[in-house]
PDB file of N, CA and C in Angstrom:
ATOM      1  N   UNK A   1       1.040  -0.954  -0.117  1.00  0.00           N
ATOM      2  CA  UNK A   1      -0.138  -0.177  -0.069  1.00  0.00           C
ATOM      3  C   UNK A   1       1.177   1.162   0.189  1.00  0.00           C
ATOM      4  N   UNK A   2       1.258   1.547  -0.819  1.00  0.00           N
ATOM      5  CA  UNK A   2       1.341   3.333  -1.054  1.00  0.00           C
ATOM      6  C   UNK A   2       1.742   4.422  -0.172  1.00  0.00           C
ATOM      7  N   UNK A   3       0.667   4.214   0.243  1.00  0.00           N
ATOM      8  CA  UNK A   3       0.548   5.531   1.489  1.00  0.00           C
ATOM      9  C   UNK A   3       0.279   5.077   3.096  1.00  0.00           C
ATOM     10  N   UNK A   4      -0.483   4.503   2.849  1.00  0.00           N
ATOM     11  CA  UNK A   4      -0.953   3.667   4.703  1.00  0.00           C
ATOM     12  C   UNK A   4       0.223   2.456   4.738  1.00  0.00           C
ATOM     13  N   UNK A   5       0.203   1.901   5.348  1.00  0.00           N
ATOM     14  CA  UNK A   5       0.520   0.796   6.130  1.00  0.00           C
ATOM     15  C   UNK A   5      -0.509  -0.017   6.701  1.00  0.00           C
ATOM     16  N   UNK A   6      -0.710  -1.356   6.631  1.00  0.00           N
ATOM     17  CA  UNK A   6      -2.086  -2.154   7.101  1.00  0.00           C
ATOM     18  C   UNK A   6      -1.894  -1.821   9.153  1.00  0.00           C
ATOM     19  N   UNK A   7      -1.379  -1.083   9.651  1.00  0.00           N
ATOM     20  CA  UNK A   7      -1.687  -0.834  10.857  1.00  0.00           C
ATOM     21  C   UNK A   7      -3.312   0.755  11.203  1.00  0.00           C
ATOM     22  N   UNK A   8      -1.898   1.284  10.141  1.00  0.00           N
ATOM     23  CA  UNK A   8      -2.575   3.314   9.606  1.00  0.00           C
ATOM     24  C   UNK A   8      -4.445   2.345   9.218  1.00  0.00           C
ATOM     25  N   UNK A   9      -4.275   1.405   8.079  1.00  0.00           N
ATOM     26  CA  UNK A   9      -5.563   1.199   7.860  1.00  0.00           C
ATOM     27  C   UNK A   9      -6.240   0.892   8.925  1.00  0.00           C
ATOM     28  N   UNK A  10      -6.033  -0.216   9.906  1.00  0.00           N
ATOM     29  CA  UNK A  10      -6.714  -0.423  10.728  1.00  0.00           C
ATOM     30  C   UNK A  10      -6.938   0.425  11.899  1.00  0.00           C
ATOM     31  N   UNK A  11      -6.370   1.257  12.072  1.00  0.00           N
ATOM     32  CA  UNK A  11      -6.489   2.478  12.778  1.00  0.00           C
ATOM     33  C   UNK A  11      -7.695   3.474  12.397  1.00  0.00           C
ATOM     34  N   UNK A  12      -7.316   3.959  11.100  1.00  0.00           N
ATOM     35  CA  UNK A  12      -8.670   4.896  10.522  1.00  0.00           C
ATOM     36  C   UNK A  12     -10.210   3.592  10.767  1.00  0.00           C
ATOM     37  N   UNK A  13      -9.897   2.976   9.659  1.00  0.00           N
ATOM     38  CA  UNK A  13     -10.689   1.589  10.094  1.00  0.00           C
ATOM     39  C   UNK A  13     -12.190   1.539  11.131  1.00  0.00           C
ATOM     40  N   UNK A  14     -11.247   1.305  12.411  1.00  0.00           N
ATOM     41  CA  UNK A  14     -11.115   1.072  13.369  1.00  0.00           C
ATOM     42  C   UNK A  14     -11.903   2.180  14.238  1.00  0.00           C
ATOM     43  N   UNK A  15     -11.711   3.301  14.059  1.00  0.00           N
ATOM     44  CA  UNK A  15     -11.485   4.244  14.901  1.00  0.00           C
ATOM     45  C   UNK A  15     -13.801   4.825  14.362  1.00  0.00           C
ATOM     46  N   UNK A  16     -13.863   3.948  14.139  1.00  0.00           N
ATOM     47  CA  UNK A  16     -15.644   4.242  13.820  1.00  0.00           C
ATOM     48  C   UNK A  16     -16.755   3.265  14.415  1.00  0.00           C
ATOM     49  N   UNK A  17     -17.143   3.882  15.014  1.00  0.00           N
ATOM     50  CA  UNK A  17     -18.070   2.961  16.538  1.00  0.00           C
ATOM     51  C   UNK A  17     -18.576   2.148  15.196  1.00  0.00           C
ATOM     52  N   UNK A  18     -18.836   2.080  13.667  1.00  0.00           N
ATOM     53  CA  UNK A  18     -19.681   0.902  12.974  1.00  0.00           C
ATOM     54  C   UNK A  18     -18.405   0.031  12.290  1.00  0.00           C
ATOM     55  N   UNK A  19     -17.400   0.012  12.266  1.00  0.00           N
ATOM     56  CA  UNK A  19     -15.774   0.295  11.273  1.00  0.00           C
ATOM     57  C   UNK A  19     -16.593  -1.659  11.322  1.00  0.00           C
ATOM     58  N   UNK A  20     -16.166  -2.459  10.651  1.00  0.00           N
ATOM     59  CA  UNK A  20     -16.143  -4.100  10.617  1.00  0.00           C
ATOM     60  C   UNK A  20     -15.270  -4.546  11.117  1.00  0.00           C
ATOM     61  N   UNK A  21     -15.278  -5.520  11.840  1.00  0.00           N
ATOM     62  CA  UNK A  21     -13.517  -6.617  13.272  1.00  0.00           C
ATOM     63  C   UNK A  21     -13.070  -6.370  12.115  1.00  0.00           C
ATOM     64  N   UNK A  22     -11.029  -6.027  12.375  1.00  0.00           N
ATOM     65  CA  UNK A  22     -10.256  -6.364  11.847  1.00  0.00           C
ATOM     66  C   UNK A  22      -9.426  -7.685  11.778  1.00  0.00           C
ATOM     67  N   UNK A  23      -9.189  -8.366  10.563  1.00  0.00           N
ATOM     68  CA  UNK A  23      -8.208  -9.421  10.873  1.00  0.00           C
ATOM     69  C   UNK A  23      -6.398  -9.069   9.828  1.00  0.00           C
ATOM     70  N   UNK A  24      -6.042  -9.232  10.432  1.00  0.00           N
ATOM     71  CA  UNK A  24      -4.194  -8.965   9.772  1.00  0.00           C
ATOM     72  C   UNK A  24      -4.024 -10.290   9.697  1.00  0.00           C
ATOM     73  N   UNK A  25      -3.830 -10.126   8.078  1.00  0.00           N
ATOM     74  CA  UNK A  25      -2.951 -11.449   6.989  1.00  0.00           C
ATOM     75  C   UNK A  25      -1.713 -11.021   7.063  1.00  0.00           C
ATOM     76  N   UNK A  26       0.122 -11.579   7.768  1.00  0.00           N
ATOM     77  CA  UNK A  26       0.660 -11.085   7.512  1.00  0.00           C
ATOM     78  C   UNK A  26       1.898 -12.082   7.680  1.00  0.00           C
ATOM     79  N   UNK A  27       3.174 -11.538   6.861  1.00  0.00           N
ATOM     80  CA  UNK A  27       4.209 -12.502   6.805  1.00  0.00           C
ATOM     81  C   UNK A  27       5.047 -12.542   8.486  1.00  0.00           C
ATOM     82  N   UNK A  28       4.428 -11.059   8.996  1.00  0.00           N
ATOM     83  CA  UNK A  28       5.273 -10.535  10.507  1.00  0.00           C
ATOM     84  C   UNK A  28       5.039 -11.207  11.947  1.00  0.00           C
ATOM     85  N   UNK A  29       5.302 -12.159  12.261  1.00  0.00           N
ATOM     86  CA  UNK A  29       5.456 -13.359  13.379  1.00  0.00           C
ATOM     87  C   UNK A  29       5.808 -12.406  14.942  1.00  0.00           C
ATOM     88  N   UNK A  30       6.718 -11.407  14.308  1.00  0.00           N
ATOM     89  CA  UNK A  30       7.097 -10.776  15.520  1.00  0.00           C
ATOM     90  C   UNK A  30       5.956  -9.928  16.450  1.00  0.00           C
ATOM     91  N   UNK A  31       6.192 -10.673  17.715  1.00  0.00           N
ATOM     92  CA  UNK A  31       5.110 -10.085  18.822  1.00  0.00           C
ATOM     93  C   UNK A  31       4.874  -8.750  18.843  1.00  0.00           C
ATOM     94  N   UNK A  32       5.896  -7.809  18.745  1.00  0.00           N
ATOM     95  CA  UNK A  32       5.967  -6.550  18.981  1.00  0.00           C
ATOM     96  C   UNK A  32       4.517  -6.006  17.697  1.00  0.00           C
ATOM     97  N   UNK A  33       4.785  -6.244  16.155  1.00  0.00           N
ATOM     98  CA  UNK A  33       4.133  -6.178  15.414  1.00  0.00           C
ATOM     99  C   UNK A  33       2.625  -6.522  16.098  1.00  0.00           C
ATOM    100  N   UNK A  34       2.700  -7.872  16.749  1.00  0.00           N
ATOM    101  CA  UNK A  34       1.189  -8.476  17.109  1.00  0.00           C
ATOM    102  C   UNK A  34       0.392  -7.449  17.606  1.00  0.00           C
ATOM    103  N   UNK A  35       1.060  -6.611  18.956  1.00  0.00           N
ATOM    104  CA  UNK A  35       0.326  -6.483  19.941  1.00  0.00           C
ATOM    105  C   UNK A  35       0.228  -5.412  18.992  1.00  0.00           C
ATOM    106  N   UNK A  36       1.319  -4.245  18.311  1.00  0.00           N
ATOM    107  CA  UNK A  36       0.976  -2.938  18.114  1.00  0.00           C
ATOM    108  C   UNK A  36      -0.409  -2.679  16.821  1.00  0.00           C
ATOM    109  N   UNK A  37      -0.878  -3.999  16.610  1.00  0.00           N
ATOM    110  CA  UNK A  37      -2.074  -4.672  14.991  1.00  0.00           C
ATOM    111  C   UNK A  37      -3.243  -4.692  16.294  1.00  0.00           C
ATOM    112  N   UNK A  38      -3.134  -5.620  17.501  1.00  0.00           N
ATOM    113  CA  UNK A  38      -4.457  -5.067  18.639  1.00  0.00           C
ATOM    114  C   UNK A  38      -4.575  -3.827  18.873  1.00  0.00           C
ATOM    115  N   UNK A  39      -3.470  -3.250  18.972  1.00  0.00           N
ATOM    116  CA  UNK A  39      -3.354  -1.538  19.594  1.00  0.00           C
ATOM    117  C   UNK A  39      -3.894  -0.611  18.563  1.00  0.00           C
ATOM    118  N   UNK A  40      -3.800  -0.737  17.204  1.00  0.00           N
ATOM    119  CA  UNK A  40      -4.841  -0.236  16.169  1.00  0.00           C
ATOM    120  C   UNK A  40      -5.879  -0.680  16.777  1.00  0.00           C
ATOM    121  N   UNK A  41      -6.268  -1.853  16.648  1.00  0.00           N
ATOM    122  CA  UNK A  41      -7.775  -2.312  17.415  1.00  0.00           C
ATOM    123  C   UNK A  41      -8.497  -3.202  16.197  1.00  0.00           C
ATOM    124  N   UNK A  42      -6.989  -3.910  15.994  1.00  0.00           N
ATOM    125  CA  UNK A  42      -7.158  -5.405  15.236  1.00  0.00           C
ATOM    126  C   UNK A  42      -7.638  -6.174  16.027  1.00  0.00           C
ATOM    127  N   UNK A  43      -8.914  -7.068  15.942  1.00  0.00           N
ATOM    128  CA  UNK A  43      -9.522  -7.776  16.895  1.00  0.00           C
ATOM    129  C   UNK A  43      -8.262  -9.903  16.157  1.00  0.00           C
ATOM    130  N   UNK A  44      -7.977  -9.695  15.184  1.00  0.00           N
ATOM    131  CA  UNK A  44      -7.236 -11.024  14.781  1.00  0.00           C
ATOM    132  C   UNK A  44      -6.112 -10.717  13.521  1.00  0.00           C
ATOM    133  N   UNK A  45      -5.147 -11.795  14.481  1.00  0.00           N
ATOM    134  CA  UNK A  45      -4.416 -11.720  13.117  1.00  0.00           C
ATOM    135  C   UNK A  45      -3.260 -12.971  12.859  1.00  0.00           C
ATOM    136  N   UNK A  46      -3.319 -13.369  11.756  1.00  0.00           N
ATOM    137  CA  UNK A  46      -3.014 -14.126  11.271  1.00  0.00           C
ATOM    138  C   UNK A  46      -1.231 -14.516  10.499  1.00  0.00           C
ATOM    139  N   UNK A  47      -0.584 -15.018  10.980  1.00  0.00           N
ATOM    140  CA  UNK A  47       0.583 -15.086  10.108  1.00  0.00           C
ATOM    141  C   UNK A  47      -0.033 -16.069   8.512  1.00  0.00           C
ATOM    142  N   UNK A  48       0.589 -15.695   7.912  1.00  0.00           N
ATOM    143  CA  UNK A  48       0.845 -15.624   6.421  1.00  0.00           C
ATOM    144  C   UNK A  48       1.090 -17.011   6.584  1.00  0.00           C
ATOM    145  N   UNK A  49       1.944 -17.646   6.967  1.00  0.00           N
ATOM    146  CA  UNK A  49       2.276 -19.473   6.110  1.00  0.00           C
ATOM    147  C   UNK A  49       1.467 -20.441   7.352  1.00  0.00           C
ATOM    148  N   UNK A  50       0.151 -19.338   8.185  1.00  0.00           N
ATOM    149  CA  UNK A  50      -0.719 -20.443   8.749  1.00  0.00           C
ATOM    150  C   UNK A  50      -1.896 -20.107   8.024  1.00  0.00           C
ATOM    151  N   UNK A  51      -2.093 -19.496   7.244  1.00  0.00           N
ATOM    152  CA  UNK A  51      -3.407 -18.646   6.024  1.00  0.00           C
ATOM    153  C   UNK A  51      -4.585 -19.911   6.307  1.00  0.00           C
ATOM    154  N   UNK A  52      -4.268 -20.979   6.283  1.00  0.00           N
ATOM    155  CA  UNK A  52      -5.242 -21.994   5.064  1.00  0.00           C
ATOM    156  C   UNK A  52      -5.397 -22.612   6.609  1.00  0.00           C
ATOM    157  N   UNK A  53      -4.990 -22.555   7.652  1.00  0.00           N
ATOM    158  CA  UNK A  53      -5.151 -23.543   8.761  1.00  0.00           C
ATOM    159  C   UNK A  53      -6.169 -22.359   9.700  1.00  0.00           C
ATOM    160  N   UNK A  54      -5.382 -20.657   9.445  1.00  0.00           N
ATOM    161  CA  UNK A  54      -6.039 -19.785  10.653  1.00  0.00           C
ATOM    162  C   UNK A  54      -7.144 -19.185  10.263  1.00  0.00           C
ATOM    163  N   UNK A  55      -7.175 -18.879   8.610  1.00  0.00           N
ATOM    164  CA  UNK A  55      -8.073 -17.699   8.792  1.00  0.00           C
ATOM    165  C   UNK A  55      -9.601 -17.888   9.027  1.00  0.00           C
ATOM    166  N   UNK A  56     -10.239 -18.886   8.634  1.00  0.00           N
ATOM    167  CA  UNK A  56     -11.061 -19.018   8.718  1.00  0.00           C
ATOM    168  C   UNK A  56     -11.923 -19.039  10.652  1.00  0.00           C
ATOM    169  N   UNK A  57     -10.464 -19.472  11.374  1.00  0.00           N
ATOM    170  CA  UNK A  57     -11.184 -19.549  12.590  1.00  0.00           C
ATOM    171  C   UNK A  57     -10.585 -17.811  12.896  1.00  0.00           C
ATOM    172  N   UNK A  58      -9.702 -17.550  12.489  1.00  0.00           N
ATOM    173  CA  UNK A  58      -9.918 -16.173  13.082  1.00  0.00           C
ATOM    174  C   UNK A  58     -10.868 -15.855  12.796  1.00  0.00           C
ATOM    175  N   UNK A  59     -11.311 -15.725  11.360  1.00  0.00           N
ATOM    176  CA  UNK A  59     -12.861 -14.868  11.152  1.00  0.00           C
ATOM    177  C   UNK A  59     -14.265 -15.153  12.292  1.00  0.00           C
ATOM    178  N   UNK A  60     -14.521 -15.863  12.072  1.00  0.00           N
ATOM    179  CA  UNK A  60     -15.266 -16.664  13.087  1.00  0.00           C
ATOM    180  C   UNK A  60     -15.324 -16.407  14.002  1.00  0.00           C
ATOM    181  N   UNK A  61     -13.854 -16.069  14.816  1.00  0.00           N
ATOM    182  CA  UNK A  61     -13.291 -16.058  16.401  1.00  0.00           C
ATOM    183  C   UNK A  61     -13.684 -13.832  16.249  1.00  0.00           C
ATOM    184  N   UNK A  62     -13.304 -13.462  15.050  1.00  0.00           N
ATOM    185  CA  UNK A  62     -13.717 -11.662  15.378  1.00  0.00           C
ATOM    186  C   UNK A  62     -15.475 -11.358  15.153  1.00  0.00           C
ATOM    187  N   UNK A  63     -15.537 -12.371  14.499  1.00  0.00           N
ATOM    188  CA  UNK A  63     -17.306 -11.841  13.937  1.00  0.00           C
ATOM    189  C   UNK A  63     -18.042 -12.108  15.595  1.00  0.00           C
ATOM    190  N   UNK A  64     -17.651 -13.392  16.713  1.00  0.00           N
ATOM    191  CA  UNK A  64     -18.036 -13.393  17.302  1.00  0.00           C
ATOM    192  C   UNK A  64     -17.761 -12.917  18.559  1.00  0.00           C
ATOM    193  N   UNK A  65     -16.941 -11.590  18.602  1.00  0.00           N
ATOM    194  CA  UNK A  65     -16.689 -10.798  18.934  1.00  0.00           C
ATOM    195  C   UNK A  65     -14.768 -11.103  20.026  1.00  0.00           C
ATOM    196  N   UNK A  66     -14.424 -12.218  19.762  1.00  0.00           N
ATOM    197  CA  UNK A  66     -13.369 -12.585  20.555  1.00  0.00           C
ATOM    198  C   UNK A  66     -12.090 -12.154  19.949  1.00  0.00           C
ATOM    199  N   UNK A  67     -10.615 -12.377  20.265  1.00  0.00           N
ATOM    200  CA  UNK A  67      -9.727 -11.798  19.771  1.00  0.00           C
ATOM    201  C   UNK A  67      -8.905 -12.901  19.284  1.00  0.00           C
ATOM    202  N   UNK A  68      -8.183 -13.344  18.119  1.00  0.00           N
ATOM    203  CA  UNK A  68      -6.997 -14.184  17.691  1.00  0.00           C
ATOM    204  C   UNK A  68      -6.269 -13.808  17.222  1.00  0.00           C
ATOM    205  N   UNK A  69      -5.511 -14.755  17.690  1.00  0.00           N
ATOM    206  CA  UNK A  69      -3.942 -14.859  16.934  1.00  0.00           C
ATOM    207  C   UNK A  69      -3.446 -16.216  16.646  1.00  0.00           C
ATOM    208  N   UNK A  70      -2.625 -16.199  15.692  1.00  0.00           N
ATOM    209  CA  UNK A  70      -2.284 -17.491  15.008  1.00  0.00           C
ATOM    210  C   UNK A  70      -1.463 -17.890  16.331  1.00  0.00           C
ATOM    211  N   UNK A  71      -0.734 -19.189  16.658  1.00  0.00           N
ATOM    212  CA  UNK A  71      -0.323 -20.151  17.595  1.00  0.00           C
ATOM    213  C   UNK A  71       1.421 -19.666  16.332  1.00  0.00           C
ATOM    214  N   UNK A  72       2.030 -19.974  18.243  1.00  0.00           N
ATOM    215  CA  UNK A  72       3.462 -20.000  16.980  1.00  0.00           C
ATOM    216  C   UNK A  72       4.540 -18.948  16.645  1.00  0.00           C
TER     217      UNK A  72
END
């Protein structure tokens, strides 16, 4: 994304009360980045190496109001 990164987009989307739940899919597995995503408003964080295993679970979790982070 040329102008914004994923965390910036998450902050913008979740700042609105009726904004959708956000699940970030990223190659980044650093726990500081995962925490920054949570602080930005993401309810879910899926590591791209686990996307086939975790994305559906993450979406179902955040739709139910629960957070999700890929294990490992």
